[in-house]
Amino acid sequence: MGFIGWIVLGLIAGAIAKAILPGKQGGGWIMTLLLGVVGAIIGGWIGSAIFDVGVDKFWSLSSWLLAIGGALIVLVIWGFITKKRA
């Protein structure tokens, strides 16, 4: 998957993760993009380490599920970090 594919996957995965988690998370679309891309990387790493499945194809269901799961993990961590600041 190319650079643009990672950005699109990260943006959509981050938006879906923000829609799944209840409450108000800070950050605009740029933060959603960054959290989604980082989440996709972390989800791919966890998937390859545990399930022997990575995030390598854009149209693969496993890629999307791992990216969204990783984005959820990153978003929860981001919520803990920003909640302590406020």
PDB file of N, CA and C in Angstrom:
ATOM      1  N   MET A   1       0.859  -1.156   0.000  1.00  0.00           N
ATOM      2  CA  MET A   1       0.000   0.000   0.000  1.00  0.00           C
ATOM      3  C   MET A   1       0.912   1.228   0.000  1.00  0.00           C
ATOM      4  N   GLY A   2       0.544   2.210  -0.806  1.00  0.00           N
ATOM      5  CA  GLY A   2       1.351   3.405  -0.939  1.00  0.00           C
ATOM      6  C   GLY A   2       1.081   4.435   0.146  1.00  0.00           C
ATOM      7  N   PHE A   3       1.794   5.532   0.049  1.00  0.00           N
ATOM      8  CA  PHE A   3       1.701   6.609   1.027  1.00  0.00           C
ATOM      9  C   PHE A   3       0.293   7.199   1.075  1.00  0.00           C
ATOM     10  N   ILE A   4      -0.292   7.449  -0.079  1.00  0.00           N
ATOM     11  CA  ILE A   4      -1.645   8.007  -0.140  1.00  0.00           C
ATOM     12  C   ILE A   4      -2.651   7.011   0.441  1.00  0.00           C
ATOM     13  N   GLY A   5      -2.439   5.728   0.191  1.00  0.00           N
ATOM     14  CA  GLY A   5      -3.311   4.701   0.756  1.00  0.00           C
ATOM     15  C   GLY A   5      -3.284   4.703   2.279  1.00  0.00           C
ATOM     16  N   TRP A   6      -2.085   4.864   2.868  1.00  0.00           N
ATOM     17  CA  TRP A   6      -1.962   4.929   4.321  1.00  0.00           C
ATOM     18  C   TRP A   6      -2.686   6.154   4.873  1.00  0.00           C
ATOM     19  N   ILE A   7      -2.576   7.297   4.173  1.00  0.00           N
ATOM     20  CA  ILE A   7      -3.235   8.512   4.635  1.00  0.00           C
ATOM     21  C   ILE A   7      -4.757   8.349   4.588  1.00  0.00           C
ATOM     22  N   VAL A   8      -5.266   7.816   3.482  1.00  0.00           N
ATOM     23  CA  VAL A   8      -6.717   7.632   3.357  1.00  0.00           C
ATOM     24  C   VAL A   8      -7.210   6.612   4.383  1.00  0.00           C
ATOM     25  N   LEU A   9      -6.505   5.501   4.514  1.00  0.00           N
ATOM     26  CA  LEU A   9      -6.875   4.483   5.506  1.00  0.00           C
ATOM     27  C   LEU A   9      -6.845   5.063   6.909  1.00  0.00           C
ATOM     28  N   GLY A  10      -5.807   5.838   7.219  1.00  0.00           N
ATOM     29  CA  GLY A  10      -5.698   6.436   8.547  1.00  0.00           C
ATOM     30  C   GLY A  10      -6.782   7.448   8.822  1.00  0.00           C
ATOM     31  N   LEU A  11      -7.119   8.271   7.836  1.00  0.00           N
ATOM     32  CA  LEU A  11      -8.160   9.278   8.029  1.00  0.00           C
ATOM     33  C   LEU A  11      -9.516   8.623   8.270  1.00  0.00           C
ATOM     34  N   ILE A  12      -9.837   7.635   7.472  1.00  0.00           N
ATOM     35  CA  ILE A  12     -11.132   6.962   7.628  1.00  0.00           C
ATOM     36  C   ILE A  12     -11.167   6.135   8.913  1.00  0.00           C
ATOM     37  N   ALA A  13     -10.074   5.432   9.222  1.00  0.00           N
ATOM     38  CA  ALA A  13     -10.028   4.638  10.457  1.00  0.00           C
ATOM     39  C   ALA A  13     -10.121   5.540  11.679  1.00  0.00           C
ATOM     40  N   GLY A  14      -9.454   6.692  11.651  1.00  0.00           N
ATOM     41  CA  GLY A  14      -9.539   7.633  12.764  1.00  0.00           C
ATOM     42  C   GLY A  14     -10.935   8.197  12.925  1.00  0.00           C
ATOM     43  N   ALA A  15     -11.596   8.507  11.815  1.00  0.00           N
ATOM     44  CA  ALA A  15     -12.969   9.029  11.880  1.00  0.00           C
ATOM     45  C   ALA A  15     -13.927   7.973  12.419  1.00  0.00           C
ATOM     46  N   ILE A  16     -13.765   6.733  11.998  1.00  0.00           N
ATOM     47  CA  ILE A  16     -14.619   5.656  12.498  1.00  0.00           C
ATOM     48  C   ILE A  16     -14.364   5.424  13.983  1.00  0.00           C
ATOM     49  N   ALA A  17     -13.095   5.482  14.394  1.00  0.00           N
ATOM     50  CA  ALA A  17     -12.772   5.301  15.813  1.00  0.00           C
ATOM     51  C   ALA A  17     -13.378   6.415  16.661  1.00  0.00           C
ATOM     52  N   LYS A  18     -13.349   7.656  16.160  1.00  0.00           N
ATOM     53  CA  LYS A  18     -13.977   8.753  16.900  1.00  0.00           C
ATOM     54  C   LYS A  18     -15.486   8.588  16.964  1.00  0.00           C
ATOM     55  N   ALA A  19     -16.079   8.018  15.931  1.00  0.00           N
ATOM     56  CA  ALA A  19     -17.525   7.788  15.933  1.00  0.00           C
ATOM     57  C   ALA A  19     -17.905   6.648  16.883  1.00  0.00           C
ATOM     58  N   ILE A  20     -17.028   5.664  17.044  1.00  0.00           N
ATOM     59  CA  ILE A  20     -17.324   4.518  17.908  1.00  0.00           C
ATOM     60  C   ILE A  20     -17.210   4.890  19.379  1.00  0.00           C
ATOM     61  N   LEU A  21     -16.172   5.645  19.738  1.00  0.00           N
ATOM     62  CA  LEU A  21     -15.948   5.983  21.138  1.00  0.00           C
ATOM     63  C   LEU A  21     -16.924   7.064  21.593  1.00  0.00           C
ATOM     64  N   PRO A  22     -17.550   6.860  22.736  1.00  0.00           N
ATOM     65  CA  PRO A  22     -18.446   7.896  23.242  1.00  0.00           C
ATOM     66  C   PRO A  22     -17.649   9.051  23.850  1.00  0.00           C
ATOM     67  N   GLY A  23     -18.284  10.180  23.972  1.00  0.00           N
ATOM     68  CA  GLY A  23     -17.643  11.334  24.583  1.00  0.00           C
ATOM     69  C   GLY A  23     -17.074  12.278  23.543  1.00  0.00           C
ATOM     70  N   LYS A  24     -16.506  13.352  24.052  1.00  0.00           N
ATOM     71  CA  LYS A  24     -15.967  14.377  23.164  1.00  0.00           C
ATOM     72  C   LYS A  24     -14.445  14.293  23.167  1.00  0.00           C
ATOM     73  N   GLN A  25     -13.895  13.948  22.027  1.00  0.00           N
ATOM     74  CA  GLN A  25     -12.454  13.910  21.876  1.00  0.00           C
ATOM     75  C   GLN A  25     -12.013  15.195  21.191  1.00  0.00           C
ATOM     76  N   GLY A  26     -10.901  15.708  21.623  1.00  0.00           N
ATOM     77  CA  GLY A  26     -10.380  16.927  21.026  1.00  0.00           C
ATOM     78  C   GLY A  26      -9.684  16.651  19.712  1.00  0.00           C
ATOM     79  N   GLY A  27      -9.385  17.699  19.006  1.00  0.00           N
ATOM     80  CA  GLY A  27      -8.649  17.567  17.760  1.00  0.00           C
ATOM     81  C   GLY A  27      -9.561  17.661  16.555  1.00  0.00           C
ATOM     82  N   GLY A  28      -9.038  18.225  15.522  1.00  0.00           N
ATOM     83  CA  GLY A  28      -9.782  18.343  14.278  1.00  0.00           C
ATOM     84  C   GLY A  28      -9.429  17.230  13.323  1.00  0.00           C
ATOM     85  N   TRP A  29      -9.561  17.512  12.038  1.00  0.00           N
ATOM     86  CA  TRP A  29      -9.319  16.463  11.048  1.00  0.00           C
ATOM     87  C   TRP A  29      -7.838  16.123  10.939  1.00  0.00           C
ATOM     88  N   ILE A  30      -6.950  17.058  11.232  1.00  0.00           N
ATOM     89  CA  ILE A  30      -5.515  16.744  11.173  1.00  0.00           C
ATOM     90  C   ILE A  30      -5.149  15.780  12.299  1.00  0.00           C
ATOM     91  N   MET A  31      -5.685  16.017  13.499  1.00  0.00           N
ATOM     92  CA  MET A  31      -5.424  15.103  14.605  1.00  0.00           C
ATOM     93  C   MET A  31      -6.066  13.745  14.337  1.00  0.00           C
ATOM     94  N   THR A  32      -7.238  13.746  13.717  1.00  0.00           N
ATOM     95  CA  THR A  32      -7.875  12.486  13.335  1.00  0.00           C
ATOM     96  C   THR A  32      -6.997  11.727  12.362  1.00  0.00           C
ATOM     97  N   LEU A  33      -6.411  12.435  11.401  1.00  0.00           N
ATOM     98  CA  LEU A  33      -5.514  11.813  10.435  1.00  0.00           C
ATOM     99  C   LEU A  33      -4.295  11.223  11.124  1.00  0.00           C
ATOM    100  N   LEU A  34      -3.674  11.992  11.990  1.00  0.00           N
ATOM    101  CA  LEU A  34      -2.470  11.510  12.677  1.00  0.00           C
ATOM    102  C   LEU A  34      -2.778  10.318  13.585  1.00  0.00           C
ATOM    103  N   LEU A  35      -3.858  10.419  14.349  1.00  0.00           N
ATOM    104  CA  LEU A  35      -4.234   9.303  15.228  1.00  0.00           C
ATOM    105  C   LEU A  35      -4.596   8.065  14.421  1.00  0.00           C
ATOM    106  N   GLY A  36      -5.271   8.267  13.298  1.00  0.00           N
ATOM    107  CA  GLY A  36      -5.643   7.135  12.460  1.00  0.00           C
ATOM    108  C   GLY A  36      -4.444   6.451  11.821  1.00  0.00           C
ATOM    109  N   VAL A  37      -3.488   7.237  11.327  1.00  0.00           N
ATOM    110  CA  VAL A  37      -2.292   6.649  10.712  1.00  0.00           C
ATOM    111  C   VAL A  37      -1.459   5.926  11.761  1.00  0.00           C
ATOM    112  N   VAL A  38      -1.273   6.557  12.919  1.00  0.00           N
ATOM    113  CA  VAL A  38      -0.537   5.892  14.000  1.00  0.00           C
ATOM    114  C   VAL A  38      -1.286   4.634  14.448  1.00  0.00           C
ATOM    115  N   GLY A  39      -2.604   4.734  14.539  1.00  0.00           N
ATOM    116  CA  GLY A  39      -3.406   3.564  14.909  1.00  0.00           C
ATOM    117  C   GLY A  39      -3.325   2.452  13.889  1.00  0.00           C
ATOM    118  N   ALA A  40      -3.294   2.816  12.602  1.00  0.00           N
ATOM    119  CA  ALA A  40      -3.161   1.792  11.558  1.00  0.00           C
ATOM    120  C   ALA A  40      -1.805   1.099  11.651  1.00  0.00           C
ATOM    121  N   ILE A  41      -0.772   1.857  11.950  1.00  0.00           N
ATOM    122  CA  ILE A  41       0.557   1.258  12.104  1.00  0.00           C
ATOM    123  C   ILE A  41       0.589   0.338  13.312  1.00  0.00           C
ATOM    124  N   ILE A  42       0.051   0.813  14.428  1.00  0.00           N
ATOM    125  CA  ILE A  42       0.029  -0.014  15.642  1.00  0.00           C
ATOM    126  C   ILE A  42      -0.863  -1.236  15.453  1.00  0.00           C
ATOM    127  N   GLY A  43      -2.023  -1.046  14.820  1.00  0.00           N
ATOM    128  CA  GLY A  43      -2.905  -2.182  14.550  1.00  0.00           C
ATOM    129  C   GLY A  43      -2.255  -3.212  13.640  1.00  0.00           C
ATOM    130  N   GLY A  44      -1.538  -2.742  12.626  1.00  0.00           N
ATOM    131  CA  GLY A  44      -0.809  -3.661  11.747  1.00  0.00           C
ATOM    132  C   GLY A  44       0.289  -4.404  12.479  1.00  0.00           C
ATOM    133  N   TRP A  45       0.975  -3.707  13.367  1.00  0.00           N
ATOM    134  CA  TRP A  45       2.043  -4.342  14.139  1.00  0.00           C
ATOM    135  C   TRP A  45       1.468  -5.395  15.085  1.00  0.00           C
ATOM    136  N   ILE A  46       0.381  -5.055  15.777  1.00  0.00           N
ATOM    137  CA  ILE A  46      -0.254  -6.018  16.685  1.00  0.00           C
ATOM    138  C   ILE A  46      -0.816  -7.202  15.899  1.00  0.00           C
ATOM    139  N   GLY A  47      -1.450  -6.911  14.764  1.00  0.00           N
ATOM    140  CA  GLY A  47      -2.005  -7.989  13.944  1.00  0.00           C
ATOM    141  C   GLY A  47      -0.951  -8.932  13.413  1.00  0.00           C
ATOM    142  N   SER A  48       0.192  -8.388  13.010  1.00  0.00           N
ATOM    143  CA  SER A  48       1.248  -9.265  12.497  1.00  0.00           C
ATOM    144  C   SER A  48       1.926 -10.032  13.618  1.00  0.00           C
ATOM    145  N   ALA A  49       1.986  -9.440  14.805  1.00  0.00           N
ATOM    146  CA  ALA A  49       2.624 -10.130  15.929  1.00  0.00           C
ATOM    147  C   ALA A  49       1.732 -11.222  16.502  1.00  0.00           C
ATOM    148  N   ILE A  50       0.440 -10.981  16.575  1.00  0.00           N
ATOM    149  CA  ILE A  50      -0.465 -11.932  17.235  1.00  0.00           C
ATOM    150  C   ILE A  50      -1.143 -12.864  16.239  1.00  0.00           C
ATOM    151  N   PHE A  51      -1.715 -12.285  15.168  1.00  0.00           N
ATOM    152  CA  PHE A  51      -2.536 -13.059  14.244  1.00  0.00           C
ATOM    153  C   PHE A  51      -1.845 -13.416  12.943  1.00  0.00           C
ATOM    154  N   ASP A  52      -0.627 -12.968  12.751  1.00  0.00           N
ATOM    155  CA  ASP A  52       0.139 -13.178  11.518  1.00  0.00           C
ATOM    156  C   ASP A  52      -0.588 -12.595  10.302  1.00  0.00           C
ATOM    157  N   VAL A  53      -1.248 -11.448  10.524  1.00  0.00           N
ATOM    158  CA  VAL A  53      -1.954 -10.723   9.473  1.00  0.00           C
ATOM    159  C   VAL A  53      -1.534  -9.264   9.582  1.00  0.00           C
ATOM    160  N   GLY A  54      -1.150  -8.660   8.481  1.00  0.00           N
ATOM    161  CA  GLY A  54      -0.721  -7.275   8.507  1.00  0.00           C
ATOM    162  C   GLY A  54      -1.666  -6.370   7.739  1.00  0.00           C
ATOM    163  N   VAL A  55      -1.341  -5.088   7.759  1.00  0.00           N
ATOM    164  CA  VAL A  55      -2.096  -4.085   7.016  1.00  0.00           C
ATOM    165  C   VAL A  55      -1.316  -3.831   5.733  1.00  0.00           C
ATOM    166  N   ASP A  56      -1.592  -4.648   4.718  1.00  0.00           N
ATOM    167  CA  ASP A  56      -0.818  -4.502   3.485  1.00  0.00           C
ATOM    168  C   ASP A  56      -1.679  -4.261   2.254  1.00  0.00           C
ATOM    169  N   LYS A  57      -2.954  -4.558   2.324  1.00  0.00           N
ATOM    170  CA  LYS A  57      -3.859  -4.346   1.187  1.00  0.00           C
ATOM    171  C   LYS A  57      -4.954  -3.387   1.602  1.00  0.00           C
ATOM    172  N   PHE A  58      -5.227  -2.407   0.759  1.00  0.00           N
ATOM    173  CA  PHE A  58      -6.201  -1.368   1.097  1.00  0.00           C
ATOM    174  C   PHE A  58      -7.613  -1.921   1.189  1.00  0.00           C
ATOM    175  N   TRP A  59      -8.001  -2.797   0.298  1.00  0.00           N
ATOM    176  CA  TRP A  59      -9.376  -3.294   0.245  1.00  0.00           C
ATOM    177  C   TRP A  59      -9.582  -4.575   1.043  1.00  0.00           C
ATOM    178  N   SER A  60      -8.668  -4.909   1.920  1.00  0.00           N
ATOM    179  CA  SER A  60      -8.791  -6.110   2.736  1.00  0.00           C
ATOM    180  C   SER A  60      -9.544  -5.789   4.032  1.00  0.00           C
ATOM    181  N   LEU A  61     -10.495  -6.638   4.385  1.00  0.00           N
ATOM    182  CA  LEU A  61     -11.265  -6.436   5.613  1.00  0.00           C
ATOM    183  C   LEU A  61     -10.365  -6.489   6.840  1.00  0.00           C
ATOM    184  N   SER A  62      -9.396  -7.378   6.827  1.00  0.00           N
ATOM    185  CA  SER A  62      -8.491  -7.469   7.976  1.00  0.00           C
ATOM    186  C   SER A  62      -7.675  -6.193   8.137  1.00  0.00           C
ATOM    187  N   SER A  63      -7.286  -5.568   7.041  1.00  0.00           N
ATOM    188  CA  SER A  63      -6.552  -4.306   7.127  1.00  0.00           C
ATOM    189  C   SER A  63      -7.410  -3.232   7.793  1.00  0.00           C
ATOM    190  N   TRP A  64      -8.655  -3.146   7.399  1.00  0.00           N
ATOM    191  CA  TRP A  64      -9.548  -2.144   7.960  1.00  0.00           C
ATOM    192  C   TRP A  64      -9.835  -2.407   9.430  1.00  0.00           C
ATOM    193  N   LEU A  65     -10.071  -3.655   9.788  1.00  0.00           N
ATOM    194  CA  LEU A  65     -10.354  -3.972  11.183  1.00  0.00           C
ATOM    195  C   LEU A  65      -9.146  -3.703  12.073  1.00  0.00           C
ATOM    196  N   LEU A  66      -7.954  -4.056  11.598  1.00  0.00           N
ATOM    197  CA  LEU A  66      -6.748  -3.780  12.371  1.00  0.00           C
ATOM    198  C   LEU A  66      -6.490  -2.285  12.488  1.00  0.00           C
ATOM    199  N   ALA A  67      -6.711  -1.540  11.418  1.00  0.00           N
ATOM    200  CA  ALA A  67      -6.493  -0.094  11.446  1.00  0.00           C
ATOM    201  C   ALA A  67      -7.479   0.588  12.392  1.00  0.00           C
ATOM    202  N   ILE A  68      -8.745   0.187  12.347  1.00  0.00           N
ATOM    203  CA  ILE A  68      -9.741   0.783  13.237  1.00  0.00           C
ATOM    204  C   ILE A  68      -9.456   0.393  14.687  1.00  0.00           C
ATOM    205  N   GLY A  69      -9.095  -0.855  14.917  1.00  0.00           N
ATOM    206  CA  GLY A  69      -8.748  -1.288  16.279  1.00  0.00           C
ATOM    207  C   GLY A  69      -7.542  -0.544  16.823  1.00  0.00           C
ATOM    208  N   GLY A  70      -6.527  -0.373  15.996  1.00  0.00           N
ATOM    209  CA  GLY A  70      -5.359   0.397  16.421  1.00  0.00           C
ATOM    210  C   GLY A  70      -5.702   1.850  16.669  1.00  0.00           C
ATOM    211  N   ALA A  71      -6.564   2.425  15.831  1.00  0.00           N
ATOM    212  CA  ALA A  71      -6.979   3.815  16.029  1.00  0.00           C
ATOM    213  C   ALA A  71      -7.780   3.963  17.323  1.00  0.00           C
ATOM    214  N   LEU A  72      -8.587   2.970  17.655  1.00  0.00           N
ATOM    215  CA  LEU A  72      -9.318   3.011  18.926  1.00  0.00           C
ATOM    216  C   LEU A  72      -8.354   3.001  20.111  1.00  0.00           C
ATOM    217  N   ILE A  73      -7.334   2.174  20.032  1.00  0.00           N
ATOM    218  CA  ILE A  73      -6.341   2.112  21.110  1.00  0.00           C
ATOM    219  C   ILE A  73      -5.634   3.454  21.257  1.00  0.00           C
ATOM    220  N   VAL A  74      -5.210   4.024  20.125  1.00  0.00           N
ATOM    221  CA  VAL A  74      -4.509   5.307  20.163  1.00  0.00           C
ATOM    222  C   VAL A  74      -5.436   6.411  20.657  1.00  0.00           C
ATOM    223  N   LEU A  75      -6.700   6.369  20.266  1.00  0.00           N
ATOM    224  CA  LEU A  75      -7.652   7.397  20.682  1.00  0.00           C
ATOM    225  C   LEU A  75      -7.923   7.325  22.183  1.00  0.00           C
ATOM    226  N   VAL A  76      -7.985   6.127  22.741  1.00  0.00           N
ATOM    227  CA  VAL A  76      -8.172   5.981  24.185  1.00  0.00           C
ATOM    228  C   VAL A  76      -6.956   6.543  24.924  1.00  0.00           C
ATOM    229  N   ILE A  77      -5.769   6.225  24.442  1.00  0.00           N
ATOM    230  CA  ILE A  77      -4.550   6.758  25.065  1.00  0.00           C
ATOM    231  C   ILE A  77      -4.520   8.279  24.936  1.00  0.00           C
ATOM    232  N   TRP A  78      -4.886   8.804  23.767  1.00  0.00           N
ATOM    233  CA  TRP A  78      -4.935  10.252  23.556  1.00  0.00           C
ATOM    234  C   TRP A  78      -5.944  10.906  24.503  1.00  0.00           C
ATOM    235  N   GLY A  79      -7.063  10.242  24.749  1.00  0.00           N
ATOM    236  CA  GLY A  79      -8.053  10.769  25.680  1.00  0.00           C
ATOM    237  C   GLY A  79      -7.519  10.867  27.099  1.00  0.00           C
ATOM    238  N   PHE A  80      -6.741   9.865  27.521  1.00  0.00           N
ATOM    239  CA  PHE A  80      -6.142   9.919  28.850  1.00  0.00           C
ATOM    240  C   PHE A  80      -5.113  11.041  28.952  1.00  0.00           C
ATOM    241  N   ILE A  81      -4.353  11.241  27.901  1.00  0.00           N
ATOM    242  CA  ILE A  81      -3.325  12.290  27.917  1.00  0.00           C
ATOM    243  C   ILE A  81      -3.958  13.680  27.943  1.00  0.00           C
ATOM    244  N   THR A  82      -4.941  13.902  27.100  1.00  0.00           N
ATOM    245  CA  THR A  82      -5.553  15.238  27.032  1.00  0.00           C
ATOM    246  C   THR A  82      -6.474  15.513  28.211  1.00  0.00           C
ATOM    247  N   LYS A  83      -7.022  14.487  28.840  1.00  0.00           N
ATOM    248  CA  LYS A  83      -7.895  14.696  29.990  1.00  0.00           C
ATOM    249  C   LYS A  83      -7.091  15.194  31.193  1.00  0.00           C
ATOM    250  N   LYS A  84      -5.861  14.721  31.321  1.00  0.00           N
ATOM    251  CA  LYS A  84      -5.019  15.157  32.446  1.00  0.00           C
ATOM    252  C   LYS A  84      -4.547  16.590  32.272  1.00  0.00           C
ATOM    253  N   ARG A  85      -4.445  17.047  31.023  1.00  0.00           N
ATOM    254  CA  ARG A  85      -4.041  18.428  30.763  1.00  0.00           C
ATOM    255  C   ARG A  85      -5.152  19.420  31.093  1.00  0.00           C
ATOM    256  N   ALA A  86      -6.381  19.020  30.876  1.00  0.00           N
ATOM    257  CA  ALA A  86      -7.499  19.969  31.033  1.00  0.00           C
ATOM    258  C   ALA A  86      -7.882  20.206  32.457  1.00  0.00           C
TER     259      ALA A  86
END
